[in-house]
């Protein structure tokens, strides 16, 4: 199983930008789908963007037009570019495969804080 660990979180003011990185322990070429998840305080972890080998990409409404996923399969690297950030984007961000199976493990995530 490929392990995926997100990094690059930090604090940013509303309207600012931040990019997250996801390092993988192995090749992602054979993985059907990958994505970025977010857990905000008091809520369950949510898939906010997912991308597939056929180049299909989906964004939840709250981030569409502001966030963009980038995949560098030859480097086993995923990025999440976040622009025009809002306080409600505050949370812990994770990268992982899509879909999640009962045996899928999670990395520690990276904290993102957006201040108004």
Protein backbone atom coordinates (compact mmCIF):
# COMPACT_ATOMS: atom_id res chain seq x y z
CA UNK A 1 0.00 0.00 0.00
CA UNK A 2 1.33 3.41 -0.94
CA UNK A 3 1.72 5.77 2.01
CA UNK A 4 0.91 9.40 1.34
CA UNK A 5 2.01 12.21 3.66
CA UNK A 6 0.90 15.82 3.34
CA UNK A 7 3.08 18.77 4.27
CA UNK A 8 3.36 22.49 3.76
CA UNK A 9 0.60 23.73 6.00
CA UNK A 10 0.80 26.97 7.92
CA UNK A 11 -0.98 30.17 8.70
CA UNK A 12 -2.23 32.59 6.09
CA UNK A 13 -4.51 35.58 6.03
CA UNK A 14 -7.84 35.53 4.24
CA UNK A 15 -7.36 36.12 0.53
CA UNK A 16 -3.88 34.64 0.62
CA UNK A 17 -2.43 31.54 -1.00
CA UNK A 18 -0.75 28.39 0.16
CA UNK A 19 0.46 25.24 -1.56
CA UNK A 20 0.56 21.80 0.02
CA UNK A 21 2.74 18.89 -1.01
CA UNK A 22 2.06 15.19 -0.79
CA UNK A 23 4.93 12.77 -0.79
CA UNK A 24 4.24 9.14 -1.57
CA UNK A 25 6.18 6.07 -0.54
CA UNK A 26 5.85 4.45 -3.93
CA UNK A 27 4.64 4.85 -7.45
CA UNK A 28 1.25 6.45 -7.96
CA UNK A 29 1.08 5.44 -11.59
CA UNK A 30 -0.96 2.37 -10.81
CA UNK A 31 -3.34 4.09 -8.43
CA UNK A 32 -6.77 4.70 -9.98
CA UNK A 33 -7.50 7.83 -7.99
CA UNK A 34 -5.87 10.24 -5.58
CA UNK A 35 -7.25 13.15 -3.65
CA UNK A 36 -7.00 15.79 -0.99
CA UNK A 37 -9.13 15.59 2.13
CA UNK A 38 -9.87 18.17 4.77
CA UNK A 39 -11.10 17.90 8.33
CA UNK A 40 -12.37 21.07 9.90
CA UNK A 41 -12.99 21.30 13.65
CA UNK A 42 -16.15 19.52 14.70
CA UNK A 43 -16.73 17.84 11.36
CA UNK A 44 -15.80 14.61 9.64
CA UNK A 45 -12.98 14.39 7.16
CA UNK A 46 -14.17 15.40 3.70
CA UNK A 47 -12.84 14.69 0.22
CA UNK A 48 -12.44 18.10 -1.38
CA UNK A 49 -10.72 17.23 -4.65
CA UNK A 50 -10.14 13.94 -6.42
CA UNK A 51 -8.32 13.09 -9.63
CA UNK A 52 -8.18 9.96 -11.69
CA UNK A 53 -5.93 8.34 -14.24
CA UNK A 54 -8.29 9.34 -17.03
CA UNK A 55 -7.52 12.96 -16.03
CA UNK A 56 -10.98 13.50 -14.60
CA UNK A 57 -10.93 15.88 -11.65
CA UNK A 58 -13.67 16.85 -9.22
CA UNK A 59 -13.84 19.68 -6.70
CA UNK A 60 -16.40 20.28 -4.01
CA UNK A 61 -18.34 23.49 -4.44
CA UNK A 62 -16.63 25.24 -1.54
CA UNK A 63 -13.18 25.09 -3.17
CA UNK A 64 -13.98 25.00 -6.88
CA UNK A 65 -12.28 27.87 -8.69
CA UNK A 66 -9.93 28.54 -5.77
CA UNK A 67 -8.05 25.26 -5.29
CA UNK A 68 -6.18 23.25 -7.92
CA UNK A 69 -4.60 19.82 -7.75
CA UNK A 70 -1.39 19.08 -9.61
CA UNK A 71 -0.02 15.58 -10.11
CA UNK A 72 3.54 14.74 -11.06
CA UNK A 73 3.35 11.00 -11.50
CA UNK A 74 6.99 10.66 -12.56
CA UNK A 75 7.99 12.21 -9.21
CA UNK A 76 5.28 10.49 -7.17
CA UNK A 77 4.21 13.93 -6.03
CA UNK A 78 0.88 15.67 -5.58
CA UNK A 79 0.36 19.36 -4.92
CA UNK A 80 -2.65 21.35 -3.82
CA UNK A 81 -2.57 25.01 -4.75
CA UNK A 82 -4.97 27.06 -2.64
CA UNK A 83 -5.86 30.62 -3.57
CA UNK A 84 -8.24 33.24 -2.21
CA UNK A 85 -8.33 31.38 1.03
CA UNK A 86 -11.09 31.84 3.56
CA UNK A 87 -11.31 31.28 7.32
CA UNK A 88 -13.58 28.30 6.65
CA UNK A 89 -10.67 26.61 4.85
CA UNK A 90 -9.03 26.19 8.25
CA UNK A 91 -8.47 22.55 9.07
CA UNK A 92 -6.17 19.57 8.76
CA UNK A 93 -5.42 18.55 5.21
CA UNK A 94 -4.58 15.02 4.09
CA UNK A 95 -3.70 13.37 0.82
CA UNK A 96 -4.65 9.82 0.11
CA UNK A 97 -5.97 7.39 -2.44
CA UNK A 98 -9.53 7.51 -3.72
CA UNK A 99 -11.60 5.62 -2.75
CA UNK A 100 -10.72 4.91 0.86
CA UNK A 101 -10.88 1.26 1.93
CA UNK A 102 -11.16 -0.09 5.50
CA UNK A 103 -7.46 -1.00 5.33
CA UNK A 104 -6.32 2.39 4.03
CA UNK A 105 -4.03 4.16 6.47
CA UNK A 106 -3.79 7.91 7.02
CA UNK A 107 -0.79 10.14 7.47
CA UNK A 108 -0.72 12.80 10.19
CA UNK A 109 -2.08 15.55 7.92
CA UNK A 110 -0.93 19.15 7.85
CA UNK A 111 -2.63 22.03 9.65
CA UNK A 112 -3.82 25.04 7.68
CA UNK A 113 -5.08 28.11 9.51
CA UNK A 114 -6.69 31.04 7.73
CA UNK A 115 -7.21 34.19 9.74
CA UNK A 116 -9.70 36.89 8.89
